[in-house]
Amino acid sequence: MPVLETSLSALLLTAVTAYLLGSVPFGIVMARLFGLGDLRKIGSGNIGATNVLRAGNKLAAFLTLILDAGKGGVAVWVAGAAFAGDAAQLAGVAAFLGHCFPIFLRFRGGKGVATFLGILLVLHWPAGLAVCATWLAVAGLFRISSLAALVAAASAPVWLIVLGLPQAWVMGAVLAAVIFIRHSTNIARLRAGTEPRIGAKKRNAQQEPAADDQLF
């Protein structure tokens, strides 16, 4: 746990501001700017970058990925610069919850992995890079995106401890737990052996599960 250095009023301001920033649905914004339609009615209905890609625009998907990660990173950076480490961690949690449960979309948001990575990369970049490397290793070995996301999220508290920011492990564990909750349907498919693999061809549109949407 971080040492409390910031006043209660400043922490409250940090939490509200970061949550509102995290709630901005950049996937929907990019889909509309690029004329792709209502993202919630496309593919899996997820608001993340993969579903934007499924809508047919690589640039819009890339911008969504960067912005979803960036809003978590910006929230952490601003709070840390304005106040202290406790405010930075709180900003990360609040921005992450904003992405997953955005007030602008009646609390129906994304699964949070891109925002999670953005938070870690700014809060403690060695741990952030280690989590990214964990995702890549698991994805490369098993070719299952959701499994890679879950293992990477679970590894975050460990990396934070090992790589020099042990006071942030509780934050990492809390965000990882939310990611697991948001991936409940993916976990069920993993247990049943029906979770799609990266690059697998889909037999028809009706059989199209959210293969990679668990990422973002």
C-alpha atoms as a PDB file:
ATOM      1  CA  MET A   1       0.000   0.000   0.000  1.00  0.00           C
ATOM      2  CA  PRO A   2       1.273   3.518  -0.773  1.00  0.00           C
ATOM      3  CA  VAL A   3       2.032   5.929   2.042  1.00  0.00           C
ATOM      4  CA  LEU A   4      -0.766   8.507   2.252  1.00  0.00           C
ATOM      5  CA  GLU A   5       0.822  11.852   1.454  1.00  0.00           C
ATOM      6  CA  THR A   6      -1.990  13.683  -0.325  1.00  0.00           C
ATOM      7  CA  SER A   7      -4.912  15.447   1.342  1.00  0.00           C
ATOM      8  CA  LEU A   8      -8.341  13.858   1.240  1.00  0.00           C
ATOM      9  CA  SER A   9      -9.778  16.687  -0.869  1.00  0.00           C
ATOM     10  CA  ALA A  10      -6.977  16.324  -3.430  1.00  0.00           C
ATOM     11  CA  LEU A  11      -7.471  12.553  -3.556  1.00  0.00           C
ATOM     12  CA  LEU A  12     -11.188  13.005  -4.116  1.00  0.00           C
ATOM     13  CA  LEU A  13     -10.532  15.475  -6.942  1.00  0.00           C
ATOM     14  CA  THR A  14      -8.002  13.076  -8.429  1.00  0.00           C
ATOM     15  CA  ALA A  15     -10.403  10.138  -8.309  1.00  0.00           C
ATOM     16  CA  VAL A  16     -13.312  11.990  -9.920  1.00  0.00           C
ATOM     17  CA  THR A  17     -11.189  13.579 -12.652  1.00  0.00           C
ATOM     18  CA  ALA A  18      -9.389  10.324 -13.496  1.00  0.00           C
ATOM     19  CA  TYR A  19     -12.641   8.373 -13.554  1.00  0.00           C
ATOM     20  CA  LEU A  20     -14.201  10.844 -16.001  1.00  0.00           C
ATOM     21  CA  LEU A  21     -11.115  10.676 -18.204  1.00  0.00           C
ATOM     22  CA  GLY A  22     -11.200   6.900 -18.131  1.00  0.00           C
ATOM     23  CA  SER A  23     -14.890   6.954 -19.022  1.00  0.00           C
ATOM     24  CA  VAL A  24     -14.265   8.593 -22.402  1.00  0.00           C
ATOM     25  CA  PRO A  25     -15.154   5.805 -24.912  1.00  0.00           C
ATOM     26  CA  PHE A  26     -12.467   6.412 -27.482  1.00  0.00           C
ATOM     27  CA  GLY A  27     -13.510   3.360 -29.496  1.00  0.00           C
ATOM     28  CA  ILE A  28     -16.953   4.815 -30.069  1.00  0.00           C
ATOM     29  CA  VAL A  29     -15.474   8.246 -30.756  1.00  0.00           C
ATOM     30  CA  MET A  30     -13.056   6.870 -33.359  1.00  0.00           C
ATOM     31  CA  ALA A  31     -15.763   4.744 -34.974  1.00  0.00           C
ATOM     32  CA  ARG A  32     -17.947   7.803 -35.436  1.00  0.00           C
ATOM     33  CA  LEU A  33     -15.104  10.027 -36.630  1.00  0.00           C
ATOM     34  CA  PHE A  34     -14.151   7.447 -39.255  1.00  0.00           C
ATOM     35  CA  GLY A  35     -17.767   6.817 -40.286  1.00  0.00           C
ATOM     36  CA  LEU A  36     -17.849   3.212 -39.076  1.00  0.00           C
ATOM     37  CA  GLY A  37     -21.225   3.452 -37.349  1.00  0.00           C
ATOM     38  CA  ASP A  38     -22.227   2.561 -33.809  1.00  0.00           C
ATOM     39  CA  LEU A  39     -19.477   0.327 -32.449  1.00  0.00           C
ATOM     40  CA  ARG A  40     -21.875  -1.274 -29.979  1.00  0.00           C
ATOM     41  CA  LYS A  41     -23.802  -2.727 -32.937  1.00  0.00           C
ATOM     42  CA  ILE A  42     -20.727  -4.084 -34.721  1.00  0.00           C
ATOM     43  CA  GLY A  43     -19.090  -7.472 -34.182  1.00  0.00           C
ATOM     44  CA  SER A  44     -18.964  -8.278 -30.477  1.00  0.00           C
ATOM     45  CA  GLY A  45     -20.343  -4.888 -29.450  1.00  0.00           C
ATOM     46  CA  ASN A  46     -17.223  -4.186 -27.396  1.00  0.00           C
ATOM     47  CA  ILE A  47     -15.875  -0.623 -27.332  1.00  0.00           C
ATOM     48  CA  GLY A  48     -12.219  -1.630 -27.625  1.00  0.00           C
ATOM     49  CA  ALA A  49      -9.659  -1.423 -30.405  1.00  0.00           C
ATOM     50  CA  THR A  50     -10.174  -4.964 -31.686  1.00  0.00           C
ATOM     51  CA  ASN A  51     -13.818  -4.357 -32.391  1.00  0.00           C
ATOM     52  CA  VAL A  52     -12.900  -1.107 -34.151  1.00  0.00           C
ATOM     53  CA  LEU A  53     -10.525  -3.172 -36.288  1.00  0.00           C
ATOM     54  CA  ARG A  54     -13.347  -5.590 -36.956  1.00  0.00           C
ATOM     55  CA  ALA A  55     -15.356  -2.620 -38.221  1.00  0.00           C
ATOM     56  CA  GLY A  56     -12.779  -2.276 -40.961  1.00  0.00           C
ATOM     57  CA  ASN A  57     -10.358   0.551 -40.187  1.00  0.00           C
ATOM     58  CA  LYS A  58      -6.827  -0.157 -38.980  1.00  0.00           C
ATOM     59  CA  LEU A  59      -5.972   3.476 -38.271  1.00  0.00           C
ATOM     60  CA  ALA A  60      -9.091   3.947 -36.145  1.00  0.00           C
ATOM     61  CA  ALA A  61      -8.258   0.747 -34.251  1.00  0.00           C
ATOM     62  CA  PHE A  62      -4.661   1.865 -33.660  1.00  0.00           C
ATOM     63  CA  LEU A  63      -5.785   5.271 -32.419  1.00  0.00           C
ATOM     64  CA  THR A  64      -8.302   3.607 -30.098  1.00  0.00           C
ATOM     65  CA  LEU A  65      -5.595   1.386 -28.637  1.00  0.00           C
ATOM     66  CA  ILE A  66      -3.238   4.318 -28.067  1.00  0.00           C
ATOM     67  CA  LEU A  67      -5.941   6.537 -26.585  1.00  0.00           C
ATOM     68  CA  ASP A  68      -7.332   3.821 -24.296  1.00  0.00           C
ATOM     69  CA  ALA A  69      -3.840   3.115 -22.966  1.00  0.00           C
ATOM     70  CA  GLY A  70      -2.999   6.803 -22.946  1.00  0.00           C
ATOM     71  CA  LYS A  71      -5.901   7.882 -20.789  1.00  0.00           C
ATOM     72  CA  GLY A  72      -4.702   5.586 -18.016  1.00  0.00           C
ATOM     73  CA  GLY A  73      -1.124   6.765 -18.407  1.00  0.00           C
ATOM     74  CA  VAL A  74      -2.070  10.443 -18.513  1.00  0.00           C
ATOM     75  CA  ALA A  75      -4.205  10.125 -15.387  1.00  0.00           C
ATOM     76  CA  VAL A  76      -1.300   8.560 -13.480  1.00  0.00           C
ATOM     77  CA  TRP A  77       1.269  11.052 -14.764  1.00  0.00           C
ATOM     78  CA  VAL A  78      -0.790  14.159 -13.999  1.00  0.00           C
ATOM     79  CA  ALA A  79      -1.758  12.962 -10.519  1.00  0.00           C
ATOM     80  CA  GLY A  80       1.822  12.003  -9.697  1.00  0.00           C
ATOM     81  CA  ALA A  81       3.162  15.333 -10.936  1.00  0.00           C
ATOM     82  CA  ALA A  82       0.530  17.376  -9.121  1.00  0.00           C
ATOM     83  CA  PHE A  83       0.490  15.444  -5.854  1.00  0.00           C
ATOM     84  CA  ALA A  84       2.321  12.247  -4.878  1.00  0.00           C
ATOM     85  CA  GLY A  85       2.544   8.509  -5.408  1.00  0.00           C
ATOM     86  CA  ASP A  86      -0.667   7.754  -3.543  1.00  0.00           C
ATOM     87  CA  ALA A  87      -2.599  10.092  -5.846  1.00  0.00           C
ATOM     88  CA  ALA A  88      -0.950   8.518  -8.897  1.00  0.00           C
ATOM     89  CA  GLN A  89      -2.072   5.034  -7.866  1.00  0.00           C
ATOM     90  CA  LEU A  90      -5.585   6.238  -7.076  1.00  0.00           C
ATOM     91  CA  ALA A  91      -5.746   7.970 -10.460  1.00  0.00           C
ATOM     92  CA  GLY A  92      -4.784   4.720 -12.149  1.00  0.00           C
ATOM     93  CA  VAL A  93      -7.501   2.775 -10.371  1.00  0.00           C
ATOM     94  CA  ALA A  94     -10.106   5.444 -11.081  1.00  0.00           C
ATOM     95  CA  ALA A  95      -9.220   5.736 -14.779  1.00  0.00           C
ATOM     96  CA  PHE A  96      -9.300   1.957 -15.133  1.00  0.00           C
ATOM     97  CA  LEU A  97     -12.723   1.725 -13.503  1.00  0.00           C
ATOM     98  CA  GLY A  98     -13.887   4.553 -15.737  1.00  0.00           C
ATOM     99  CA  HIS A  99     -12.928   2.537 -18.809  1.00  0.00           C
ATOM    100  CA  CYS A 100     -14.574  -0.638 -17.560  1.00  0.00           C
ATOM    101  CA  PHE A 101     -17.654   1.067 -16.115  1.00  0.00           C
ATOM    102  CA  PRO A 102     -18.040   4.403 -17.943  1.00  0.00           C
ATOM    103  CA  ILE A 103     -20.737   6.734 -16.731  1.00  0.00           C
ATOM    104  CA  PHE A 104     -21.246   7.945 -20.315  1.00  0.00           C
ATOM    105  CA  LEU A 105     -22.288   4.441 -21.452  1.00  0.00           C
ATOM    106  CA  ARG A 106     -24.425   3.429 -18.480  1.00  0.00           C
ATOM    107  CA  PHE A 107     -21.424   1.644 -16.931  1.00  0.00           C
ATOM    108  CA  ARG A 108     -21.020  -0.779 -19.851  1.00  0.00           C
ATOM    109  CA  GLY A 109     -17.431  -0.433 -20.953  1.00  0.00           C
ATOM    110  CA  GLY A 110     -14.406  -2.371 -22.117  1.00  0.00           C
ATOM    111  CA  LYS A 111     -12.358  -5.092 -20.501  1.00  0.00           C
ATOM    112  CA  GLY A 112      -9.543  -2.799 -19.479  1.00  0.00           C
ATOM    113  CA  VAL A 113      -6.291  -4.424 -20.546  1.00  0.00           C
ATOM    114  CA  ALA A 114      -5.034  -1.563 -22.743  1.00  0.00           C
ATOM    115  CA  THR A 115      -5.804   0.991 -20.027  1.00  0.00           C
ATOM    116  CA  PHE A 116      -4.173  -1.307 -17.457  1.00  0.00           C
ATOM    117  CA  LEU A 117      -0.985  -1.453 -19.511  1.00  0.00           C
ATOM    118  CA  GLY A 118      -0.949   2.313 -19.964  1.00  0.00           C
ATOM    119  CA  ILE A 119      -1.227   2.768 -16.208  1.00  0.00           C
ATOM    120  CA  LEU A 120       1.627   0.374 -15.483  1.00  0.00           C
ATOM    121  CA  LEU A 121       3.925   1.800 -18.149  1.00  0.00           C
ATOM    122  CA  VAL A 122       3.678   5.284 -16.649  1.00  0.00           C
ATOM    123  CA  LEU A 123       3.508   4.282 -12.988  1.00  0.00           C
ATOM    124  CA  HIS A 124       6.539   1.968 -13.220  1.00  0.00           C
ATOM    125  CA  TRP A 125       7.760   1.333 -16.733  1.00  0.00           C
ATOM    126  CA  PRO A 126       9.957  -1.733 -15.950  1.00  0.00           C
ATOM    127  CA  ALA A 127       6.937  -3.556 -14.538  1.00  0.00           C
ATOM    128  CA  GLY A 128       4.814  -2.325 -17.441  1.00  0.00           C
ATOM    129  CA  LEU A 129       7.284  -3.691 -19.962  1.00  0.00           C
ATOM    130  CA  ALA A 130       7.497  -6.975 -18.064  1.00  0.00           C
ATOM    131  CA  VAL A 131       3.706  -7.352 -18.162  1.00  0.00           C
ATOM    132  CA  CYS A 132       3.712  -6.601 -21.900  1.00  0.00           C
ATOM    133  CA  ALA A 133       6.450  -9.206 -22.394  1.00  0.00           C
ATOM    134  CA  THR A 134       4.411 -11.715 -20.396  1.00  0.00           C
ATOM    135  CA  TRP A 135       1.439 -11.134 -22.668  1.00  0.00           C
ATOM    136  CA  LEU A 136       3.578 -11.596 -25.771  1.00  0.00           C
ATOM    137  CA  ALA A 137       5.185 -14.773 -24.432  1.00  0.00           C
ATOM    138  CA  VAL A 138       1.882 -16.436 -23.506  1.00  0.00           C
ATOM    139  CA  ALA A 139       0.196 -15.311 -26.720  1.00  0.00           C
ATOM    140  CA  GLY A 140       3.097 -16.615 -28.779  1.00  0.00           C
ATOM    141  CA  LEU A 141       3.159 -19.941 -26.971  1.00  0.00           C
ATOM    142  CA  PHE A 142      -0.563 -20.721 -26.752  1.00  0.00           C
ATOM    143  CA  ARG A 143      -2.053 -18.431 -29.457  1.00  0.00           C
ATOM    144  CA  ILE A 144      -4.963 -17.550 -27.179  1.00  0.00           C
ATOM    145  CA  SER A 145      -5.349 -13.843 -26.589  1.00  0.00           C
ATOM    146  CA  SER A 146      -7.590 -14.042 -23.533  1.00  0.00           C
ATOM    147  CA  LEU A 147      -5.218 -16.454 -21.788  1.00  0.00           C
ATOM    148  CA  ALA A 148      -2.333 -14.092 -22.477  1.00  0.00           C
ATOM    149  CA  ALA A 149      -4.315 -11.156 -21.057  1.00  0.00           C
ATOM    150  CA  LEU A 150      -5.236 -13.066 -17.898  1.00  0.00           C
ATOM    151  CA  VAL A 151      -1.725 -14.357 -17.228  1.00  0.00           C
ATOM    152  CA  ALA A 152      -0.247 -10.907 -17.891  1.00  0.00           C
ATOM    153  CA  ALA A 153      -2.728  -9.272 -15.513  1.00  0.00           C
ATOM    154  CA  ALA A 154      -2.045 -11.863 -12.813  1.00  0.00           C
ATOM    155  CA  SER A 155       1.690 -11.303 -13.195  1.00  0.00           C
ATOM    156  CA  ALA A 156       1.461  -7.549 -12.597  1.00  0.00           C
ATOM    157  CA  PRO A 157       1.574  -7.604  -8.759  1.00  0.00           C
ATOM    158  CA  VAL A 158       4.564  -9.956  -8.893  1.00  0.00           C
ATOM    159  CA  TRP A 159       6.458  -7.769 -11.348  1.00  0.00           C
ATOM    160  CA  LEU A 160       5.728  -4.661  -9.291  1.00  0.00           C
ATOM    161  CA  ILE A 161       7.247  -6.318  -6.221  1.00  0.00           C
ATOM    162  CA  VAL A 162      10.228  -7.848  -8.017  1.00  0.00           C
ATOM    163  CA  LEU A 163      11.099  -4.773 -10.076  1.00  0.00           C
ATOM    164  CA  GLY A 164      11.061  -2.210  -7.313  1.00  0.00           C
ATOM    165  CA  LEU A 165       7.601  -0.788  -6.603  1.00  0.00           C
ATOM    166  CA  PRO A 166       6.209  -3.121  -3.916  1.00  0.00           C
ATOM    167  CA  GLN A 167       3.879  -0.448  -2.528  1.00  0.00           C
ATOM    168  CA  ALA A 168       1.849  -0.714  -5.749  1.00  0.00           C
ATOM    169  CA  TRP A 169       1.210  -4.454  -5.662  1.00  0.00           C
ATOM    170  CA  VAL A 170      -2.211  -4.036  -4.045  1.00  0.00           C
ATOM    171  CA  MET A 171      -3.264  -1.699  -6.845  1.00  0.00           C
ATOM    172  CA  GLY A 172      -1.981  -4.213  -9.395  1.00  0.00           C
ATOM    173  CA  ALA A 173      -3.878  -7.035  -7.700  1.00  0.00           C
ATOM    174  CA  VAL A 174      -7.130  -5.063  -7.576  1.00  0.00           C
ATOM    175  CA  LEU A 175      -6.975  -4.159 -11.266  1.00  0.00           C
ATOM    176  CA  ALA A 176      -6.037  -7.739 -12.170  1.00  0.00           C
ATOM    177  CA  ALA A 177      -9.052  -9.007 -10.225  1.00  0.00           C
ATOM    178  CA  VAL A 178     -11.354  -6.681 -12.164  1.00  0.00           C
ATOM    179  CA  ILE A 179      -9.825  -7.903 -15.426  1.00  0.00           C
ATOM    180  CA  PHE A 180     -10.581 -11.493 -14.406  1.00  0.00           C
ATOM    181  CA  ILE A 181     -14.181 -10.535 -13.615  1.00  0.00           C
ATOM    182  CA  ARG A 182     -14.533  -8.754 -16.956  1.00  0.00           C
ATOM    183  CA  HIS A 183     -13.217 -11.876 -18.692  1.00  0.00           C
ATOM    184  CA  SER A 184     -15.721 -14.286 -17.126  1.00  0.00           C
ATOM    185  CA  THR A 185     -17.131 -15.400 -20.483  1.00  0.00           C
ATOM    186  CA  ASN A 186     -13.619 -15.913 -21.868  1.00  0.00           C
ATOM    187  CA  ILE A 187     -12.676 -17.958 -18.808  1.00  0.00           C
ATOM    188  CA  ALA A 188     -15.746 -20.128 -19.339  1.00  0.00           C
ATOM    189  CA  ARG A 189     -14.711 -20.740 -22.959  1.00  0.00           C
ATOM    190  CA  LEU A 190     -11.136 -21.492 -21.883  1.00  0.00           C
ATOM    191  CA  ARG A 191     -12.408 -24.107 -19.445  1.00  0.00           C
ATOM    192  CA  ALA A 192     -14.630 -25.588 -22.153  1.00  0.00           C
ATOM    193  CA  GLY A 193     -11.810 -25.581 -24.702  1.00  0.00           C
ATOM    194  CA  THR A 194     -13.766 -23.378 -27.114  1.00  0.00           C
ATOM    195  CA  GLU A 195     -11.890 -20.085 -26.827  1.00  0.00           C
ATOM    196  CA  PRO A 196     -10.713 -18.997 -30.307  1.00  0.00           C
ATOM    197  CA  ARG A 197      -7.025 -18.870 -31.081  1.00  0.00           C
ATOM    198  CA  ILE A 198      -5.281 -15.851 -32.523  1.00  0.00           C
ATOM    199  CA  GLY A 199      -5.562 -15.882 -36.303  1.00  0.00           C
ATOM    200  CA  ALA A 200      -8.100 -18.723 -36.397  1.00  0.00           C
ATOM    201  CA  LYS A 201     -10.603 -18.447 -39.231  1.00  0.00           C
ATOM    202  CA  LYS A 202     -14.233 -18.131 -38.233  1.00  0.00           C
ATOM    203  CA  ARG A 203     -16.704 -20.408 -39.930  1.00  0.00           C
ATOM    204  CA  ASN A 204     -19.490 -17.866 -40.126  1.00  0.00           C
ATOM    205  CA  ALA A 205     -20.604 -14.592 -38.630  1.00  0.00           C
ATOM    206  CA  GLN A 206     -22.992 -16.242 -36.180  1.00  0.00           C
ATOM    207  CA  GLN A 207     -20.155 -18.281 -34.695  1.00  0.00           C
ATOM    208  CA  GLU A 208     -17.947 -15.240 -34.160  1.00  0.00           C
ATOM    209  CA  PRO A 209     -17.123 -14.883 -30.486  1.00  0.00           C
ATOM    210  CA  ALA A 210     -15.187 -11.907 -29.249  1.00  0.00           C
ATOM    211  CA  ALA A 211     -11.889 -13.625 -29.950  1.00  0.00           C
ATOM    212  CA  ASP A 212      -9.599 -10.687 -29.301  1.00  0.00           C
ATOM    213  CA  ASP A 213     -11.972  -8.219 -27.665  1.00  0.00           C
ATOM    214  CA  GLN A 214     -10.870  -9.468 -24.288  1.00  0.00           C
ATOM    215  CA  LEU A 215      -7.766  -7.360 -24.794  1.00  0.00           C
ATOM    216  CA  PHE A 216      -9.289  -3.924 -24.753  1.00  0.00           C
END
